[in-house]
Amino acid sequence: MAAVVVLTNAGPAQAIDACVARLSREAEAQGIRPDIIARMLATAKADERVIRFSSSQPEYETPIWDYMAFLVDEQRIKDGEALLKQHARTLAAVEKAFGVERHVVVAVWGIESDYGKAKGDFYTPHALANLACAGGRRASYFRDELMKTLLIANRGDVPVDKFQGSWAGAFGQTQFMPTTYLRLAVDFDRDGRKDLVDTTADALASTANFLKDAGWEKGRAWGYEVKLPAGYKGPVGRRERATLATWAKRGLVRLDGKALSGGLEAGLILPAGNSGPAFLVTRNFDALFSYNASQSYGLAIALLSQLISGGEPFKAAWPTEDPGLSRAQRLNLQKRLAEKGFYNDEIDGRVGPATREAIKRAEANYGLQPTGRPGYRIYQALGGD
């Protein structure tokens, strides 16, 4: 295994130049065309944003009610409903081929890239080069993902200028990591290319193939919202599975009024603790979880899939008196912060460090505890509806 050049040894610019040159030679030795390598790596430079995003702790932990309010808002639901109709024929074929319900596939599409509209802020080879050259225990992982990215371009599946995605290397309409792309991407339109960037049919089919590979079973619910008995002290965790009949004996009841019975196995998750919503989740939820290794993420897909298919929202309220904001409300929040002189950065609805500092200043001005969080209290104080 080749040694990893650490960015800080000779200064970020010099270190990554030397590291990228070595990675280029390694790629060529693996049979990647030199022109592909040059076009994808020649301009790779040190990017502190990538390293910052990859650090172990975010600036603050996002409460799940903020996460859900942002990801499963009115606009995303409306768009999902429309796209279910627009791509009905393709989705029917995908569902038949892979056994994953169409509204679940569309929900992943919506959460991952806002149905293909949010491509990501980073050129994939450059982000992966930074991560591969930064050292640390995951450097070899990111180096391998970089080589796989070059291989995808070398095969002609995706043009070299279309690799736009996350800081960690995921790209395409449903955000596949390069290794996952090579393993599970599908050429559903049979044009000879597995294109998850510009070919919606390939992206939707590949997502269904991922979920099938992760254990999704058609017709099995992802889970059920339940109510705990007073003083519940029993097992918690999606892997602490028991039959629904057993959970009923433990005093849990479904909030939709239907019987909690039968031999289907599920685990109990409490994403906001005992005072918040509770869910019994099946192995289908595990398949959603595996897409991004996040419980909140899995719940966002589950809820969105439920809502765009005509189902009901979660019934229990999140345990907060200061709910989160939708994307439209976040954009309006920035506008109001700017109008009142608290904010002078870009108004794009994205809550970064500048927006959080502006929120803190506004909170202090209105007699609220300065948190920097885009919640409903400061939004209302600024005149939001």
Protein backbone atom coordinates (compact mmCIF):
# COMPACT_ATOMS: atom_id res chain seq x y z
CA MET A 1 0.00 0.00 0.00
CA ALA A 2 1.37 3.41 -0.95
CA ALA A 3 2.18 5.88 1.77
CA VAL A 4 -0.28 8.71 2.38
CA VAL A 5 0.96 12.27 2.15
CA VAL A 6 -0.38 14.36 5.02
CA LEU A 7 -1.53 17.80 3.93
CA THR A 8 -0.04 19.67 6.86
CA ASN A 9 3.54 18.40 6.48
CA ALA A 10 4.67 20.75 3.72
CA GLY A 11 1.73 23.13 3.67
CA PRO A 12 -1.62 22.15 2.17
CA ALA A 13 -0.88 23.30 -1.40
CA GLN A 14 2.50 21.59 -1.73
CA ALA A 15 1.40 18.43 0.04
CA ILE A 16 -1.68 17.84 -2.07
CA ASP A 17 0.23 18.56 -5.28
CA ALA A 18 2.71 15.82 -4.44
CA CYS A 19 -0.03 13.46 -3.29
CA VAL A 20 -2.18 14.01 -6.37
CA ALA A 21 0.82 13.36 -8.61
CA ARG A 22 1.34 10.03 -6.85
CA LEU A 23 -2.36 9.18 -7.07
CA SER A 24 -2.29 9.98 -10.79
CA ARG A 25 0.56 7.52 -11.32
CA GLU A 26 -1.30 4.90 -9.30
CA ALA A 27 -4.44 5.39 -11.41
CA GLU A 28 -2.49 5.07 -14.64
CA ALA A 29 -0.94 1.84 -13.35
CA GLN A 30 -4.49 0.56 -12.83
CA GLY A 31 -5.29 1.12 -16.50
CA ILE A 32 -7.08 4.48 -16.30
CA ARG A 33 -6.52 6.57 -19.41
CA PRO A 34 -4.01 9.42 -18.86
CA ASP A 35 -6.35 12.00 -20.40
CA ILE A 36 -9.12 11.02 -17.97
CA ILE A 37 -6.73 11.32 -15.04
CA ALA A 38 -5.43 14.68 -16.18
CA ARG A 39 -8.89 16.15 -16.71
CA MET A 40 -10.16 14.96 -13.33
CA LEU A 41 -7.12 15.55 -11.12
CA ALA A 42 -4.91 18.18 -12.75
CA THR A 43 -6.72 21.06 -11.01
CA ALA A 44 -7.17 19.35 -7.61
CA LYS A 45 -6.21 21.79 -4.88
CA ALA A 46 -6.38 21.81 -1.09
CA ASP A 47 -9.93 22.56 0.05
CA GLU A 48 -10.28 23.28 3.75
CA ARG A 49 -14.05 22.89 3.50
CA VAL A 50 -13.71 19.19 2.73
CA ILE A 51 -11.40 18.64 5.69
CA ARG A 52 -13.67 20.67 7.94
CA PHE A 53 -16.77 18.70 6.96
CA SER A 54 -14.92 15.45 7.53
CA SER A 55 -13.97 16.33 11.11
CA SER A 56 -15.53 14.23 13.81
CA GLN A 57 -17.85 16.80 15.42
CA PRO A 58 -20.24 19.22 13.67
CA GLU A 59 -20.57 22.76 15.00
CA TYR A 60 -23.73 21.76 16.81
CA GLU A 61 -26.01 18.77 16.92
CA THR A 62 -29.17 19.19 14.86
CA PRO A 63 -32.33 18.34 16.84
CA ILE A 64 -34.42 15.79 14.99
CA TRP A 65 -37.39 18.18 14.78
CA ASP A 66 -35.18 20.61 12.84
CA TYR A 67 -33.90 17.81 10.62
CA MET A 68 -37.37 16.52 9.81
CA ALA A 69 -38.88 19.98 9.29
CA PHE A 70 -36.18 20.82 6.76
CA LEU A 71 -36.15 17.50 4.87
CA VAL A 72 -39.86 16.65 4.86
CA ASP A 73 -41.51 19.96 4.13
CA GLU A 74 -44.57 20.88 2.10
CA GLN A 75 -42.64 21.55 -1.11
CA ARG A 76 -40.78 18.24 -1.04
CA ILE A 77 -44.06 16.39 -0.49
CA LYS A 78 -45.77 18.24 -3.36
CA ASP A 79 -42.83 17.61 -5.70
CA GLY A 80 -42.76 13.93 -4.76
CA GLU A 81 -46.45 13.51 -5.50
CA ALA A 82 -46.00 15.12 -8.90
CA LEU A 83 -42.97 13.00 -9.80
CA LEU A 84 -44.76 9.79 -8.85
CA LYS A 85 -47.23 10.64 -11.62
CA GLN A 86 -44.69 11.99 -14.07
CA HIS A 87 -42.50 8.87 -13.89
CA ALA A 88 -45.32 6.39 -13.30
CA ARG A 89 -44.37 4.06 -16.15
CA THR A 90 -40.69 3.92 -15.20
CA LEU A 91 -41.47 3.49 -11.52
CA ALA A 92 -43.91 0.67 -12.24
CA ALA A 93 -41.18 -1.13 -14.17
CA VAL A 94 -38.65 -0.50 -11.40
CA GLU A 95 -41.06 -1.80 -8.77
CA LYS A 96 -41.70 -4.94 -10.81
CA ALA A 97 -38.00 -5.57 -11.43
CA PHE A 98 -36.70 -5.02 -7.89
CA GLY A 99 -39.66 -5.41 -5.56
CA VAL A 100 -39.31 -1.99 -3.93
CA GLU A 101 -42.40 0.21 -3.75
CA ARG A 102 -42.23 3.24 -6.02
CA HIS A 103 -43.01 5.80 -3.32
CA VAL A 104 -40.04 4.55 -1.28
CA VAL A 105 -37.69 4.95 -4.25
CA VAL A 106 -39.00 8.46 -4.92
CA ALA A 107 -38.60 9.37 -1.25
CA VAL A 108 -34.91 8.41 -1.33
CA TRP A 109 -34.54 10.52 -4.47
CA GLY A 110 -36.19 13.45 -2.70
CA ILE A 111 -34.14 13.25 0.47
CA GLU A 112 -30.82 12.64 -1.27
CA SER A 113 -30.88 15.37 -3.91
CA ASP A 114 -34.26 17.09 -3.83
CA TYR A 115 -35.25 14.96 -6.84
CA GLY A 116 -32.03 15.65 -8.71
CA LYS A 117 -32.06 19.43 -8.24
CA ALA A 118 -29.36 19.58 -5.52
CA LYS A 119 -26.24 18.17 -7.15
CA GLY A 120 -23.82 18.98 -4.32
CA ASP A 121 -21.10 21.56 -3.77
CA PHE A 122 -17.99 19.53 -4.52
CA TYR A 123 -16.32 18.09 -7.61
CA THR A 124 -16.07 14.45 -6.57
CA PRO A 125 -12.46 13.70 -7.63
CA HIS A 126 -11.22 16.84 -5.91
CA ALA A 127 -13.07 16.12 -2.68
CA LEU A 128 -11.81 12.55 -2.61
CA ALA A 129 -8.26 13.63 -3.40
CA ASN A 130 -8.33 15.95 -0.38
CA LEU A 131 -9.61 13.18 1.85
CA ALA A 132 -7.17 10.62 0.48
CA CYS A 133 -4.23 12.97 0.96
CA ALA A 134 -5.19 14.23 4.42
CA GLY A 135 -3.98 11.13 6.25
CA GLY A 136 -5.86 9.42 9.05
CA ARG A 137 -7.43 6.03 9.36
CA ARG A 138 -9.86 6.49 6.43
CA ALA A 139 -7.33 7.76 3.89
CA SER A 140 -7.06 4.37 2.16
CA TYR A 141 -10.86 4.17 1.94
CA PHE A 142 -11.11 7.53 0.21
CA ARG A 143 -8.16 6.69 -2.06
CA ASP A 144 -10.03 3.59 -3.20
CA GLU A 145 -13.19 5.63 -3.78
CA LEU A 146 -11.15 8.07 -5.89
CA MET A 147 -9.80 5.23 -8.03
CA LYS A 148 -13.33 3.93 -8.50
CA THR A 149 -14.48 7.41 -9.57
CA LEU A 150 -11.79 7.52 -12.23
CA LEU A 151 -12.78 4.02 -13.33
CA ILE A 152 -16.44 5.04 -13.76
CA ALA A 153 -15.35 7.91 -16.01
CA ASN A 154 -12.91 5.63 -17.83
CA ARG A 155 -15.76 3.22 -18.64
CA GLY A 156 -17.79 6.07 -20.09
CA ASP A 157 -20.73 5.82 -17.69
CA VAL A 158 -20.48 9.44 -16.55
CA PRO A 159 -18.69 12.34 -18.32
CA VAL A 160 -15.72 13.73 -16.41
CA ASP A 161 -17.43 17.09 -15.83
CA LYS A 162 -20.57 15.57 -14.29
CA PHE A 163 -19.09 14.28 -11.02
CA GLN A 164 -20.65 16.79 -8.63
CA GLY A 165 -21.70 15.72 -5.16
CA SER A 166 -21.03 15.69 -1.43
CA TRP A 167 -17.80 16.39 0.41
CA ALA A 168 -17.46 12.64 1.07
CA GLY A 169 -17.62 11.56 -2.58
CA ALA A 170 -21.27 10.58 -3.11
CA PHE A 171 -22.72 11.80 -6.41
CA GLY A 172 -25.63 11.38 -8.79
CA GLN A 173 -29.36 11.91 -8.36
CA THR A 174 -29.51 9.44 -5.49
CA GLN A 175 -25.98 10.01 -4.18
CA PHE A 176 -24.05 6.76 -4.60
CA MET A 177 -20.49 6.38 -3.39
CA PRO A 178 -18.26 5.26 -6.29
CA THR A 179 -17.75 1.73 -4.92
CA THR A 180 -21.51 1.33 -4.46
CA TYR A 181 -22.00 2.71 -7.96
CA LEU A 182 -19.80 0.03 -9.49
CA ARG A 183 -21.50 -2.70 -7.48
CA LEU A 184 -25.17 -1.75 -7.72
CA ALA A 185 -25.76 0.83 -10.46
CA VAL A 186 -28.18 -0.32 -13.17
CA ASP A 187 -28.42 0.54 -16.87
CA PHE A 188 -32.21 0.54 -16.78
CA ASP A 189 -32.76 2.38 -20.07
CA ARG A 190 -30.34 -0.04 -21.80
CA ASP A 191 -28.27 2.60 -23.55
CA GLY A 192 -25.01 0.93 -22.58
CA ARG A 193 -24.23 3.37 -19.74
CA LYS A 194 -25.03 3.28 -16.04
CA ASP A 195 -25.70 6.98 -15.65
CA LEU A 196 -27.07 8.03 -12.27
CA VAL A 197 -26.39 11.70 -12.99
CA ASP A 198 -28.42 12.54 -16.10
CA THR A 199 -30.59 9.42 -16.56
CA THR A 200 -33.46 9.37 -14.08
CA ALA A 201 -34.49 5.81 -14.97
CA ASP A 202 -30.99 4.54 -14.14
CA ALA A 203 -30.96 6.50 -10.87
CA LEU A 204 -34.35 5.20 -9.72
CA ALA A 205 -33.60 1.60 -10.68
CA SER A 206 -30.19 1.71 -9.02
CA THR A 207 -31.76 3.01 -5.82
CA ALA A 208 -34.27 0.17 -5.85
CA ASN A 209 -31.43 -2.28 -6.48
CA PHE A 210 -29.57 -0.84 -3.48
CA LEU A 211 -32.58 -1.28 -1.20
CA LYS A 212 -33.22 -4.79 -2.51
CA ASP A 213 -29.58 -5.67 -1.82
CA ALA A 214 -29.97 -4.19 1.68
CA GLY A 215 -32.84 -6.58 2.42
CA TRP A 216 -35.98 -4.65 1.45
CA GLU A 217 -39.04 -6.89 1.21
CA LYS A 218 -41.99 -5.66 -0.82
CA GLY A 219 -45.21 -5.45 1.16
CA ARG A 220 -43.53 -5.29 4.54
CA ALA A 221 -44.09 -2.04 6.42
CA TRP A 222 -41.04 -0.02 7.39
CA GLY A 223 -42.57 0.37 10.84
CA TYR A 224 -45.42 1.62 12.98
CA GLU A 225 -45.83 4.64 15.20
CA VAL A 226 -46.69 3.45 18.70
CA LYS A 227 -47.45 4.70 22.17
CA LEU A 228 -45.43 3.51 25.14
CA PRO A 229 -47.05 2.45 28.41
CA ALA A 230 -46.43 4.80 31.33
CA GLY A 231 -42.99 4.29 32.84
CA TYR A 232 -41.76 2.00 30.06
CA LYS A 233 -38.40 0.42 30.96
CA GLY A 234 -38.17 -2.30 28.32
CA PRO A 235 -35.69 -2.82 25.48
CA VAL A 236 -34.93 -0.01 23.02
CA GLY A 237 -33.02 -0.16 19.74
CA ARG A 238 -33.79 -1.23 16.19
CA ARG A 239 -31.77 -4.44 16.68
CA GLU A 240 -33.58 -5.38 19.88
CA ARG A 241 -36.25 -7.15 17.87
CA ALA A 242 -39.32 -8.99 19.08
CA THR A 243 -42.59 -9.95 17.43
CA LEU A 244 -45.37 -7.40 17.26
CA ALA A 245 -47.39 -9.69 19.53
CA THR A 246 -44.60 -9.52 22.11
CA TRP A 247 -44.52 -5.73 21.94
CA ALA A 248 -48.27 -5.72 22.55
CA LYS A 249 -47.73 -7.80 25.67
CA ARG A 250 -45.18 -5.20 26.79
CA GLY A 251 -47.94 -2.59 26.69
CA LEU A 252 -47.28 -0.83 23.38
CA VAL A 253 -50.19 0.14 21.14
CA ARG A 254 -50.34 1.45 17.57
CA LEU A 255 -51.36 5.09 17.26
CA ASP A 256 -53.41 4.41 14.15
CA GLY A 257 -55.77 2.27 16.23
CA LYS A 258 -54.96 -1.00 14.48
CA ALA A 259 -54.03 -4.12 16.39
CA LEU A 260 -50.38 -4.72 17.23
CA SER A 261 -50.22 -8.45 16.61
CA GLY A 262 -48.56 -11.18 14.63
CA GLY A 263 -45.11 -12.63 14.18
CA LEU A 264 -43.42 -9.80 12.27
CA GLU A 265 -40.28 -8.77 14.15
CA ALA A 266 -39.50 -5.15 14.95
CA GLY A 267 -37.29 -3.05 17.19
CA LEU A 268 -38.28 0.03 19.17
CA ILE A 269 -36.65 3.38 18.42
CA LEU A 270 -37.15 6.59 20.39
CA PRO A 271 -35.47 9.29 18.27
CA ALA A 272 -36.28 12.05 20.78
CA GLY A 273 -36.36 9.99 23.97
CA ASN A 274 -39.31 8.61 25.90
CA SER A 275 -41.24 11.87 25.67
CA GLY A 276 -41.21 12.01 21.87
CA PRO A 277 -42.62 9.89 19.05
CA ALA A 278 -41.96 6.14 19.29
CA PHE A 279 -41.69 3.67 16.43
CA LEU A 280 -41.49 -0.08 16.01
CA VAL A 281 -39.25 -0.55 12.96
CA THR A 282 -38.78 -3.63 10.80
CA ARG A 283 -35.90 -4.84 8.65
CA ASN A 284 -37.19 -2.61 5.87
CA PHE A 285 -36.26 0.33 8.06
CA ASP A 286 -32.79 -1.19 8.35
CA ALA A 287 -32.56 -1.03 4.56
CA LEU A 288 -33.39 2.70 4.66
CA PHE A 289 -30.92 3.17 7.51
CA SER A 290 -28.16 1.52 5.48
CA TYR A 291 -28.41 4.20 2.81
CA ASN A 292 -26.81 6.75 5.12
CA ALA A 293 -26.27 4.99 8.48
CA SER A 294 -28.54 7.44 10.26
CA GLN A 295 -31.72 6.85 12.24
CA SER A 296 -32.98 10.36 11.55
CA TYR A 297 -32.26 9.90 7.86
CA GLY A 298 -34.16 6.63 7.77
CA LEU A 299 -37.14 8.27 9.44
CA ALA A 300 -37.08 11.15 6.96
CA ILE A 301 -37.32 8.71 4.03
CA ALA A 302 -40.01 6.71 5.84
CA LEU A 303 -42.13 9.78 6.54
CA LEU A 304 -41.72 11.26 3.07
CA SER A 305 -42.60 7.94 1.42
CA GLN A 306 -45.68 7.76 3.62
CA LEU A 307 -46.84 11.28 2.80
CA ILE A 308 -46.29 11.25 -0.97
CA SER A 309 -48.29 8.01 -1.19
CA GLY A 310 -51.31 9.48 0.59
CA GLY A 311 -50.49 8.38 4.12
CA GLU A 312 -50.68 10.37 7.32
CA PRO A 313 -47.96 12.32 9.14
CA PHE A 314 -46.59 11.17 12.45
CA LYS A 315 -49.19 11.70 15.15
CA ALA A 316 -47.11 12.36 18.26
CA ALA A 317 -45.49 15.77 18.57
CA TRP A 318 -41.76 16.28 18.93
CA PRO A 319 -40.89 17.27 22.51
CA THR A 320 -40.13 20.94 21.87
CA GLU A 321 -41.85 24.29 22.23
CA ASP A 322 -39.66 25.72 19.45
CA PRO A 323 -40.32 23.70 16.27
CA GLY A 324 -37.99 23.57 13.29
CA LEU A 325 -38.41 25.47 10.04
CA SER A 326 -39.10 24.33 6.49
CA ARG A 327 -36.79 25.34 3.66
CA ALA A 328 -39.10 28.17 2.67
CA GLN A 329 -39.16 29.44 6.24
CA ARG A 330 -35.35 29.25 6.48
CA LEU A 331 -35.07 31.37 3.36
CA ASN A 332 -37.56 33.85 4.79
CA LEU A 333 -35.64 33.85 8.07
CA GLN A 334 -32.47 34.93 6.27
CA LYS A 335 -34.36 37.66 4.42
CA ARG A 336 -35.75 39.02 7.68
CA LEU A 337 -32.36 38.83 9.40
CA ALA A 338 -30.90 40.83 6.52
CA GLU A 339 -33.73 43.39 6.53
CA LYS A 340 -33.16 44.07 10.21
CA GLY A 341 -29.38 44.36 9.87
CA PHE A 342 -28.32 41.11 11.51
CA TYR A 343 -27.13 39.34 8.33
CA ASN A 344 -25.25 40.46 5.23
CA ASP A 345 -24.28 37.18 3.57
CA GLU A 346 -25.92 35.24 0.73
CA ILE A 347 -29.66 34.62 1.05
CA ASP A 348 -30.04 31.01 -0.06
CA GLY A 349 -31.92 29.28 2.77
CA ARG A 350 -28.83 27.33 3.79
CA VAL A 351 -27.95 27.67 7.46
CA GLY A 352 -24.17 27.94 7.78
CA PRO A 353 -21.88 29.70 10.28
CA ALA A 354 -22.79 33.22 9.10
CA THR A 355 -26.51 32.55 9.46
CA ARG A 356 -26.05 31.02 12.91
CA GLU A 357 -24.09 34.05 14.11
CA ALA A 358 -26.80 36.33 12.74
CA ILE A 359 -29.45 34.31 14.55
CA LYS A 360 -27.51 34.65 17.80
CA ARG A 361 -27.35 38.41 17.41
CA ALA A 362 -31.07 38.56 16.68
CA GLU A 363 -31.89 36.28 19.61
CA ALA A 364 -29.92 38.50 21.98
CA ASN A 365 -31.69 41.56 20.57
CA TYR A 366 -35.12 40.04 21.19
CA GLY A 367 -34.34 38.75 24.66
CA LEU A 368 -34.02 35.10 23.66
CA GLN A 369 -31.24 32.75 24.68
CA PRO A 370 -28.57 32.97 21.95
CA THR A 371 -28.45 29.51 20.34
CA GLY A 372 -27.84 30.16 16.65
CA ARG A 373 -30.57 27.66 15.87
CA PRO A 374 -33.09 28.36 13.08
CA GLY A 375 -36.18 27.73 15.18
CA TYR A 376 -39.71 29.07 15.18
CA ARG A 377 -39.25 31.43 18.15
CA ILE A 378 -36.69 33.66 16.48
CA TYR A 379 -38.54 33.32 13.18
CA GLN A 380 -41.72 34.58 14.83
CA ALA A 381 -39.84 37.34 16.68
CA LEU A 382 -38.56 38.57 13.31
CA GLY A 383 -42.11 38.67 11.96
CA GLY A 384 -42.28 35.28 10.27
CA ASP A 385 -45.72 33.74 9.87
